[in-house]
Amino acid sequence: MKKTFIIYLLLLSCLNYTQAQDMSKLTLAKEEAETRLIQNSLSLLSEQLNIDIADAEMIQAKVWPNPTLTVDEINLWTTQYQKRHGEELAPIFGDDFGKFQQVSVQIEQMVELAGKRKKRIAIGQVSREMSEAYLEDFLLSLRTEFRETLYQFQYSKLYIDLLQQQSNSLESLIAAYQEQLNLGNVSKVDLIRLQATNFNLKNEIIDEQENLNEQQQQLVVLLNLPDDTELNFSNIFDSTYSYSTRDLDLHIEDLQERAMTFLPYLKLSDLAIKKAEHELAYEIAQRTPDVTFSVGYDRGGNIYQDFVGIGFSIDLPFMDRNKGGIKKASVQVTQAEYQREEAVLNIKTKVREKVKNLQQVSNFFESIDSEYVNDLSSSMIAYTQFFKEQTINIITYLDFMEAYIENMQIIYENQQQYYNALEELNFITGMNYQHNNE
């Protein structure tokens, strides 16, 4: 039995170790990564708590002010002089205790007038609506940030693979040239030229790898994964380079109207006006003073024994009519209205800008196709073979390699720009346009 238990522990340890190894390398599809983002993002979980905070503020806004209890005029002892000249009262208990004891008790309750409590509740309700709109806006921003980081990550991976492929090819050529140099068949200048080019490629790989490491770190944090997780993503860019906007409904006026209806940013502008109006109503209500009612009991401090009386107190609004608070709130309403007008214009112009950006990148890809990219790669292989056979010189070969790398980098950059333009249009319109890679 003991041996069986030990074997079980060893198997469990091996399983946990295997799972830990598997978790350190994680390959995700885009949709799966976004599901993890929504479920696990710490920043999103934190932002959701703002709604709970707004709910708590609503609870507090509904609460009446506490009553005030005052106990006063208690004499803890009585001198003989006071006993001779004071009035003897009925004992509190027993035969003697409390005959010369005095006490005053009063309870007060403030009552807010002019609907101040209801107006505070209305402000709290708008604040909660704003928290919901902020959460929607944050979710859109988080999704956009995640996708753009993902596209940058994929660009860096492709560019590093491209550079590494050419560096490996150069290293093979350098090894062959070194052998030929030893035999006296080639010039040392050509060998140095190849080594210098490879040196530059390796340096470029290091620089781009730093960018990739930074993007990896951002994605790990966004997905709330263990810090040692090595991420990879599948099917991010379209291998056929068939990017187009012909299948997308990009009618600018319709998208502008859509943005005005659904964009949380504009909802927040509307709610800011609504909140400012409620705050103005509350400041106007502040002109009306609150009244405090009281009920008091006095033992031995009045002409009547065990006196019970009622009263009230109220501020006389002669000096302070809250003019400053009302004026400030009124100006804030006007300010919020101006900000809303600016937000509308900003949204309309941004929709137009994002549509144009997307169409421009799409036009770039409509001028090329996958055959061009394949031909470019095939030509690079052919040029390498020609150089090995010495049918072309080193200058021609390296010039074509430089042109090949620049062309492929441009294609990778434009892929990233296409997806970024698509996401920026999604963000500003509240749409969820997706490019089909299949």
Protein backbone atom coordinates (compact mmCIF):
# COMPACT_ATOMS: atom_id res chain seq x y z
CA MET A 1 0.00 0.00 0.00
CA LYS A 2 2.84 2.35 0.88
CA LYS A 3 4.64 1.60 -2.41
CA THR A 4 1.43 2.24 -4.37
CA PHE A 5 1.05 5.62 -2.68
CA ILE A 6 4.66 6.59 -3.49
CA ILE A 7 4.19 5.56 -7.14
CA TYR A 8 1.00 7.64 -7.25
CA LEU A 9 2.87 10.70 -5.94
CA LEU A 10 5.64 10.23 -8.51
CA LEU A 11 3.12 9.97 -11.36
CA LEU A 12 1.30 13.06 -10.09
CA SER A 13 4.58 14.99 -9.90
CA CYS A 14 5.48 13.98 -13.45
CA LEU A 15 2.04 15.03 -14.67
CA ASN A 16 2.33 18.42 -12.97
CA TYR A 17 5.82 18.90 -14.42
CA THR A 18 4.58 18.02 -17.91
CA GLN A 19 1.68 20.46 -17.56
CA ALA A 20 4.08 23.16 -16.38
CA GLN A 21 6.30 22.52 -19.38
CA ASP A 22 3.30 22.64 -21.72
CA MET A 23 2.10 25.87 -20.13
CA SER A 24 5.46 27.55 -20.67
CA LYS A 25 4.87 27.24 -24.43
CA LEU A 26 1.39 28.25 -25.45
CA THR A 27 0.03 28.53 -28.98
CA LEU A 28 -3.35 30.23 -29.33
CA ALA A 29 -5.70 31.11 -32.11
CA LYS A 30 -6.82 34.73 -32.12
CA GLU A 31 -10.37 33.91 -30.97
CA GLU A 32 -9.10 31.72 -28.14
CA ALA A 33 -6.68 34.44 -27.02
CA GLU A 34 -9.49 37.02 -26.93
CA THR A 35 -11.64 34.69 -24.84
CA ARG A 36 -8.80 34.38 -22.36
CA LEU A 37 -8.40 38.15 -22.41
CA ILE A 38 -12.03 38.74 -21.43
CA GLN A 39 -11.95 36.06 -18.74
CA ASN A 40 -8.54 36.68 -17.18
CA SER A 41 -7.49 40.31 -17.74
CA LEU A 42 -6.71 41.85 -14.36
CA SER A 43 -7.21 45.38 -15.67
CA LEU A 44 -10.70 44.43 -16.92
CA LEU A 45 -11.57 42.80 -13.60
CA SER A 46 -10.39 45.96 -11.86
CA GLU A 47 -12.45 48.20 -14.15
CA GLN A 48 -15.58 46.11 -13.49
CA LEU A 49 -15.27 46.92 -9.79
CA ASN A 50 -16.04 50.57 -10.59
CA ILE A 51 -19.67 49.51 -11.08
CA ASP A 52 -19.66 48.01 -7.58
CA ILE A 53 -18.15 51.25 -6.29
CA ALA A 54 -20.95 53.22 -8.01
CA ASP A 55 -23.54 50.86 -6.46
CA ALA A 56 -22.01 51.48 -3.03
CA GLU A 57 -22.19 55.24 -3.60
CA MET A 58 -25.87 54.82 -4.57
CA ILE A 59 -26.54 52.98 -1.31
CA GLN A 60 -24.87 55.78 0.62
CA ALA A 61 -26.82 58.48 -1.26
CA LYS A 62 -30.13 56.91 -0.17
CA VAL A 63 -29.25 56.90 3.53
CA TRP A 64 -30.86 59.47 5.83
CA PRO A 65 -28.52 61.43 8.13
CA ASN A 66 -28.09 59.94 11.58
CA PRO A 67 -30.00 61.45 14.51
CA THR A 68 -27.93 63.24 17.14
CA LEU A 69 -28.22 62.30 20.81
CA THR A 70 -27.08 64.86 23.38
CA VAL A 71 -26.78 64.08 27.12
CA ASP A 72 -25.98 67.21 29.13
CA GLU A 73 -26.11 68.94 32.51
CA ILE A 74 -25.18 65.85 34.54
CA ASN A 75 -23.90 66.59 38.02
CA LEU A 76 -21.85 63.68 39.31
CA TRP A 77 -21.88 64.93 42.88
CA THR A 78 -23.83 67.41 45.03
CA THR A 79 -22.42 69.68 47.77
CA GLN A 80 -24.15 70.28 51.10
CA TYR A 81 -24.75 73.88 50.08
CA GLN A 82 -26.54 72.71 46.92
CA LYS A 83 -28.62 70.31 48.98
CA ARG A 84 -29.66 73.07 51.41
CA HIS A 85 -30.61 75.57 48.70
CA GLY A 86 -31.58 73.24 45.86
CA GLU A 87 -34.88 71.61 45.15
CA GLU A 88 -35.23 68.02 46.21
CA LEU A 89 -36.48 65.68 43.48
CA ALA A 90 -38.01 62.26 43.60
CA PRO A 91 -35.32 59.58 43.83
CA ILE A 92 -34.43 57.73 40.66
CA PHE A 93 -34.29 54.42 42.55
CA GLY A 94 -34.03 53.48 46.19
CA ASP A 95 -34.74 55.98 48.95
CA ASP A 96 -32.02 58.56 48.27
CA PHE A 97 -30.23 58.06 44.95
CA GLY A 98 -31.01 60.82 42.50
CA LYS A 99 -32.79 63.29 44.78
CA PHE A 100 -30.34 66.01 43.83
CA GLN A 101 -29.19 64.62 40.41
CA GLN A 102 -29.85 66.68 37.28
CA VAL A 103 -29.70 65.52 33.64
CA SER A 104 -30.75 66.80 30.24
CA VAL A 105 -31.28 64.52 27.22
CA GLN A 106 -32.04 65.67 23.68
CA ILE A 107 -32.36 63.86 20.35
CA GLU A 108 -32.21 65.74 17.04
CA GLN A 109 -32.99 64.70 13.50
CA MET A 110 -32.06 66.78 10.45
CA VAL A 111 -34.56 66.72 7.58
CA GLU A 112 -33.27 67.77 4.14
CA LEU A 113 -35.68 69.98 2.23
CA ALA A 114 -36.12 70.80 -1.48
CA GLY A 115 -35.57 67.17 -2.51
CA LYS A 116 -31.80 67.21 -1.83
CA ARG A 117 -31.72 63.48 -1.07
CA LYS A 118 -33.57 62.56 -4.28
CA LYS A 119 -31.27 64.81 -6.28
CA ARG A 120 -28.20 63.12 -4.79
CA ILE A 121 -29.68 59.74 -5.70
CA ALA A 122 -30.24 60.98 -9.27
CA ILE A 123 -26.58 62.05 -9.46
CA GLY A 124 -25.56 58.61 -8.18
CA GLN A 125 -27.70 56.88 -10.80
CA VAL A 126 -26.00 58.85 -13.57
CA SER A 127 -22.60 58.03 -12.06
CA ARG A 128 -23.47 54.34 -12.25
CA GLU A 129 -24.51 54.69 -15.89
CA MET A 130 -21.20 56.43 -16.54
CA SER A 131 -19.34 53.54 -14.87
CA GLU A 132 -21.08 51.13 -17.24
CA ALA A 133 -20.20 53.31 -20.24
CA TYR A 134 -16.59 53.58 -19.02
CA LEU A 135 -16.50 49.77 -18.80
CA GLU A 136 -17.77 49.47 -22.38
CA ASP A 137 -15.20 51.99 -23.56
CA PHE A 138 -12.46 50.25 -21.59
CA LEU A 139 -13.41 46.89 -23.09
CA LEU A 140 -13.24 48.34 -26.61
CA SER A 141 -9.87 49.94 -25.83
CA LEU A 142 -8.56 46.72 -24.27
CA ARG A 143 -9.62 44.65 -27.26
CA THR A 144 -8.06 47.13 -29.67
CA GLU A 145 -4.82 47.33 -27.67
CA PHE A 146 -4.63 43.54 -27.50
CA ARG A 147 -5.20 43.04 -31.21
CA GLU A 148 -2.73 45.74 -32.25
CA THR A 149 -0.09 44.29 -29.92
CA LEU A 150 -0.83 40.87 -31.40
CA TYR A 151 -0.32 42.19 -34.94
CA GLN A 152 2.93 43.89 -33.95
CA PHE A 153 4.03 40.63 -32.31
CA GLN A 154 3.28 38.70 -35.49
CA TYR A 155 5.09 41.26 -37.66
CA SER A 156 8.19 40.98 -35.47
CA LYS A 157 8.08 37.18 -35.63
CA LEU A 158 7.85 37.19 -39.44
CA TYR A 159 10.57 39.81 -39.82
CA ILE A 160 12.92 37.95 -37.47
CA ASP A 161 12.29 34.69 -39.37
CA LEU A 162 13.03 36.50 -42.65
CA LEU A 163 16.31 37.94 -41.33
CA GLN A 164 17.29 34.67 -39.70
CA GLN A 165 16.67 32.78 -42.94
CA GLN A 166 18.96 35.12 -44.87
CA SER A 167 21.55 35.03 -42.09
CA ASN A 168 21.57 31.21 -42.21
CA SER A 169 22.02 31.38 -45.98
CA LEU A 170 24.91 33.81 -45.58
CA GLU A 171 26.56 31.63 -42.94
CA SER A 172 26.46 28.71 -45.36
CA LEU A 173 28.04 30.90 -48.06
CA ILE A 174 30.66 32.23 -45.62
CA ALA A 175 31.69 28.69 -44.67
CA ALA A 176 32.01 27.75 -48.35
CA TYR A 177 33.92 30.97 -49.14
CA GLN A 178 36.29 30.32 -46.24
CA GLU A 179 37.18 26.96 -47.76
CA GLN A 180 37.66 28.52 -51.22
CA LEU A 181 39.76 31.31 -49.72
CA ASN A 182 42.05 28.74 -48.15
CA LEU A 183 42.44 27.23 -51.61
CA GLY A 184 43.13 30.66 -53.09
CA ASN A 185 40.08 30.59 -55.37
CA VAL A 186 38.23 33.68 -54.06
CA SER A 187 39.06 37.13 -52.83
CA LYS A 188 39.18 37.89 -49.11
CA VAL A 189 37.36 41.16 -49.82
CA ASP A 190 34.29 39.20 -50.94
CA LEU A 191 34.43 37.09 -47.79
CA ILE A 192 34.63 40.20 -45.60
CA ARG A 193 31.69 41.72 -47.51
CA LEU A 194 29.58 38.62 -46.79
CA GLN A 195 30.62 38.62 -43.12
CA ALA A 196 29.79 42.34 -42.77
CA THR A 197 26.36 41.82 -44.31
CA ASN A 198 25.68 38.90 -41.97
CA PHE A 199 26.87 41.01 -39.04
CA ASN A 200 24.32 43.71 -39.92
CA LEU A 201 21.56 41.09 -40.21
CA LYS A 202 22.37 39.66 -36.79
CA ASN A 203 22.33 43.13 -35.29
CA GLU A 204 18.93 43.80 -36.87
CA ILE A 205 17.68 40.49 -35.47
CA ILE A 206 18.76 41.54 -31.96
CA ASP A 207 16.97 44.90 -32.27
CA GLU A 208 13.76 43.29 -33.52
CA GLN A 209 13.99 40.56 -30.90
CA GLU A 210 13.92 43.28 -28.23
CA ASN A 211 10.67 44.55 -29.74
CA LEU A 212 9.30 41.00 -29.78
CA ASN A 213 10.24 40.50 -26.11
CA GLU A 214 8.42 43.70 -25.17
CA GLN A 215 5.29 42.63 -27.07
CA GLN A 216 5.51 39.18 -25.48
CA GLN A 217 5.59 40.80 -22.05
CA GLN A 218 2.56 42.98 -22.85
CA LEU A 219 0.54 40.03 -24.12
CA VAL A 220 1.42 37.87 -21.11
CA VAL A 221 0.23 40.65 -18.77
CA LEU A 222 -2.95 41.26 -20.78
CA LEU A 223 -3.80 37.54 -20.76
CA ASN A 224 -2.75 37.16 -17.09
CA LEU A 225 -0.45 34.22 -17.81
CA PRO A 226 2.62 32.99 -15.89
CA ASP A 227 5.56 35.28 -16.53
CA ASP A 228 7.64 32.51 -18.16
CA THR A 229 4.98 31.70 -20.79
CA GLU A 230 6.29 31.64 -24.36
CA LEU A 231 3.44 32.71 -26.64
CA ASN A 232 2.73 31.84 -30.24
CA PHE A 233 -0.35 32.60 -32.33
CA SER A 234 -1.76 30.80 -35.33
CA ASN A 235 -3.46 32.17 -38.45
CA ILE A 236 -2.97 35.85 -37.68
CA PHE A 237 -2.00 37.19 -41.10
CA ASP A 238 -3.41 36.08 -44.45
CA SER A 239 -0.84 33.95 -46.26
CA THR A 240 -2.53 34.73 -49.61
CA TYR A 241 -2.23 38.49 -49.05
CA SER A 242 -5.84 38.89 -50.26
CA TYR A 243 -6.68 42.04 -48.35
CA SER A 244 -9.60 44.06 -49.67
CA THR A 245 -12.46 46.26 -48.47
CA ARG A 246 -14.87 45.24 -51.22
CA ASP A 247 -16.75 42.86 -48.91
CA LEU A 248 -17.05 45.49 -46.16
CA ASP A 249 -19.87 48.00 -45.98
CA LEU A 250 -17.85 51.21 -45.60
CA HIS A 251 -20.49 53.84 -46.33
CA ILE A 252 -19.12 56.75 -44.31
CA GLU A 253 -22.43 58.40 -43.38
CA ASP A 254 -23.85 55.09 -42.14
CA LEU A 255 -20.72 54.39 -40.08
CA GLN A 256 -20.85 57.89 -38.61
CA GLU A 257 -24.46 57.32 -37.58
CA ARG A 258 -23.53 53.96 -36.14
CA ALA A 259 -20.71 55.53 -34.14
CA MET A 260 -23.04 58.22 -32.78
CA THR A 261 -25.46 55.55 -31.60
CA PHE A 262 -23.20 52.91 -30.10
CA LEU A 263 -19.86 54.46 -29.21
CA PRO A 264 -19.45 54.58 -25.38
CA TYR A 265 -17.31 57.72 -25.77
CA LEU A 266 -20.35 59.69 -26.98
CA LYS A 267 -22.61 58.07 -24.37
CA LEU A 268 -20.23 59.45 -21.75
CA SER A 269 -20.60 62.94 -23.23
CA ASP A 270 -24.40 62.67 -23.00
CA LEU A 271 -24.20 61.36 -19.44
CA ALA A 272 -21.78 64.17 -18.51
CA ILE A 273 -24.45 66.70 -19.56
CA LYS A 274 -27.12 64.79 -17.63
CA LYS A 275 -24.94 64.63 -14.51
CA ALA A 276 -24.09 68.35 -14.75
CA GLU A 277 -27.82 69.17 -14.97
CA HIS A 278 -28.56 67.05 -11.88
CA GLU A 279 -25.72 68.73 -10.02
CA LEU A 280 -27.12 72.14 -10.99
CA ALA A 281 -30.53 71.11 -9.60
CA TYR A 282 -28.83 69.97 -6.40
CA GLU A 283 -26.94 73.26 -6.05
CA ILE A 284 -30.20 75.20 -6.54
CA ALA A 285 -31.79 73.05 -3.82
CA GLN A 286 -28.90 73.99 -1.53
CA ARG A 287 -30.42 77.50 -1.32
CA THR A 288 -33.18 76.01 0.82
CA PRO A 289 -31.87 75.45 4.35
CA ASP A 290 -32.43 72.13 6.08
CA VAL A 291 -34.49 71.94 9.28
CA THR A 292 -33.52 70.04 12.40
CA PHE A 293 -36.26 68.79 14.73
CA SER A 294 -35.52 67.94 18.35
CA VAL A 295 -37.15 66.27 21.34
CA GLY A 296 -35.66 66.91 24.77
CA TYR A 297 -36.04 65.77 28.34
CA ASP A 298 -34.83 67.84 31.27
CA ARG A 299 -34.77 66.57 34.89
CA GLY A 300 -34.54 69.34 37.39
CA GLY A 301 -33.21 72.07 35.09
CA ASN A 302 -36.50 73.83 34.42
CA ILE A 303 -39.43 75.22 36.32
CA TYR A 304 -41.04 71.84 35.68
CA GLN A 305 -39.67 68.60 36.90
CA ASP A 306 -39.17 65.93 34.25
CA PHE A 307 -39.79 68.45 31.50
CA VAL A 308 -40.27 67.15 27.93
CA GLY A 309 -40.19 69.64 25.07
CA ILE A 310 -39.88 69.77 21.31
CA GLY A 311 -38.10 72.26 19.06
CA PHE A 312 -36.55 72.91 15.71
CA SER A 313 -33.65 74.85 14.21
CA ILE A 314 -33.08 76.20 10.75
CA ASP A 315 -30.43 78.36 9.11
CA LEU A 316 -31.59 81.77 8.00
CA PRO A 317 -30.47 82.16 4.39
CA PHE A 318 -29.59 85.86 4.54
CA MET A 319 -25.86 85.70 3.83
CA ASP A 320 -25.32 82.49 1.86
CA ARG A 321 -27.71 81.77 -1.01
CA ASN A 322 -25.21 79.40 -2.70
CA LYS A 323 -24.81 81.76 -5.64
CA GLY A 324 -21.28 80.59 -6.32
CA GLY A 325 -22.21 76.90 -6.29
CA ILE A 326 -25.16 77.50 -8.63
CA LYS A 327 -23.09 79.56 -11.06
CA LYS A 328 -20.33 76.94 -11.10
CA ALA A 329 -22.81 74.12 -11.79
CA SER A 330 -24.48 76.19 -14.53
CA VAL A 331 -21.14 76.81 -16.24
CA GLN A 332 -20.35 73.08 -16.01
CA VAL A 333 -23.59 72.29 -17.88
CA THR A 334 -22.56 74.66 -20.70
CA GLN A 335 -19.06 73.21 -20.66
CA ALA A 336 -20.40 69.65 -20.97
CA GLU A 337 -22.59 70.71 -23.91
CA TYR A 338 -19.59 72.21 -25.72
CA GLN A 339 -17.59 69.04 -25.06
CA ARG A 340 -20.41 66.96 -26.49
CA GLU A 341 -20.47 69.05 -29.68
CA GLU A 342 -16.71 68.63 -30.02
CA ALA A 343 -17.04 64.87 -29.43
CA VAL A 344 -19.60 64.59 -32.25
CA LEU A 345 -17.34 66.43 -34.69
CA ASN A 346 -14.32 64.43 -33.54
CA ILE A 347 -16.16 61.14 -34.10
CA LYS A 348 -17.35 62.10 -37.57
CA THR A 349 -13.89 63.18 -38.73
CA LYS A 350 -12.22 60.12 -37.20
CA VAL A 351 -14.64 57.74 -38.92
CA ARG A 352 -13.82 59.37 -42.24
CA GLU A 353 -10.07 59.21 -41.48
CA LYS A 354 -10.13 55.54 -40.43
CA VAL A 355 -12.11 54.49 -43.53
CA LYS A 356 -9.60 56.27 -45.78
CA ASN A 357 -6.66 54.68 -43.96
CA LEU A 358 -8.14 51.21 -44.40
CA GLN A 359 -8.87 51.79 -48.08
CA GLN A 360 -5.35 53.07 -48.74
CA VAL A 361 -3.72 49.97 -47.26
CA SER A 362 -6.22 47.78 -49.09
CA ASN A 363 -5.29 49.46 -52.38
CA PHE A 364 -1.65 48.53 -51.76
CA PHE A 365 -2.50 44.82 -51.56
CA GLU A 366 -4.81 44.96 -54.56
CA SER A 367 -1.70 45.87 -56.60
CA ILE A 368 0.10 42.69 -55.54
CA ASP A 369 -0.84 39.07 -54.99
CA SER A 370 0.55 35.92 -53.45
CA GLU A 371 2.24 35.00 -56.73
CA TYR A 372 4.40 38.12 -56.54
CA VAL A 373 5.54 37.22 -53.02
CA ASN A 374 6.19 33.62 -54.06
CA ASP A 375 8.11 34.79 -57.12
CA LEU A 376 10.12 37.13 -54.92
CA SER A 377 11.07 34.29 -52.56
CA SER A 378 11.83 31.98 -55.48
CA SER A 379 14.04 34.64 -57.03
CA MET A 380 15.97 34.98 -53.77
CA ILE A 381 16.64 31.23 -53.77
CA ALA A 382 17.67 31.40 -57.42
CA TYR A 383 20.02 34.35 -56.82
CA THR A 384 21.66 32.44 -53.97
CA GLN A 385 22.22 29.47 -56.28
CA PHE A 386 23.55 31.73 -59.07
CA PHE A 387 25.99 33.27 -56.62
CA LYS A 388 27.15 29.85 -55.48
CA GLU A 389 27.75 28.94 -59.12
CA GLN A 390 29.49 32.32 -59.61
CA THR A 391 27.22 33.28 -62.52
CA ILE A 392 26.55 36.59 -60.70
CA ASN A 393 28.96 38.67 -58.66
CA ILE A 394 28.70 39.49 -54.97
CA ILE A 395 27.41 43.05 -55.52
CA THR A 396 24.48 41.83 -57.62
CA TYR A 397 23.67 39.14 -55.08
CA LEU A 398 23.79 41.40 -52.02
CA ASP A 399 21.85 44.15 -53.78
CA PHE A 400 19.07 41.70 -54.57
CA MET A 401 19.13 40.35 -51.01
CA GLU A 402 18.74 43.87 -49.65
CA ALA A 403 15.87 44.55 -52.07
CA TYR A 404 14.24 41.24 -51.14
CA ILE A 405 14.40 41.97 -47.40
CA GLU A 406 13.08 45.52 -47.91
CA ASN A 407 10.19 44.27 -50.08
CA MET A 408 9.18 41.56 -47.63
CA GLN A 409 9.43 44.00 -44.73
CA ILE A 410 7.15 46.43 -46.58
CA ILE A 411 4.63 43.63 -47.16
CA TYR A 412 4.74 42.59 -43.49
CA GLU A 413 4.39 46.22 -42.34
CA ASN A 414 1.40 46.78 -44.61
CA GLN A 415 -0.24 43.61 -43.34
CA GLN A 416 0.10 44.97 -39.83
CA GLN A 417 -1.18 48.40 -40.93
CA TYR A 418 -4.21 46.80 -42.61
CA TYR A 419 -5.22 44.99 -39.43
CA ASN A 420 -4.50 48.05 -37.29
CA ALA A 421 -6.63 50.22 -39.59
CA LEU A 422 -9.42 47.66 -39.33
CA GLU A 423 -9.23 47.67 -35.52
CA GLU A 424 -9.15 51.47 -35.30
CA LEU A 425 -12.29 51.61 -37.48
CA ASN A 426 -13.91 49.00 -35.23
CA PHE A 427 -13.02 51.03 -32.17
CA ILE A 428 -14.42 54.33 -33.42
CA THR A 429 -17.63 52.83 -34.86
CA GLY A 430 -18.33 50.06 -32.36
CA MET A 431 -18.27 47.56 -35.24
CA ASN A 432 -16.35 44.28 -35.28
CA TYR A 433 -15.07 43.95 -38.83
CA GLN A 434 -12.84 40.91 -39.26
CA HIS A 435 -10.64 39.80 -42.15
CA ASN A 436 -11.23 36.20 -43.11
CA ASN A 437 -7.88 34.43 -43.42
CA GLU A 438 -9.39 31.26 -44.82
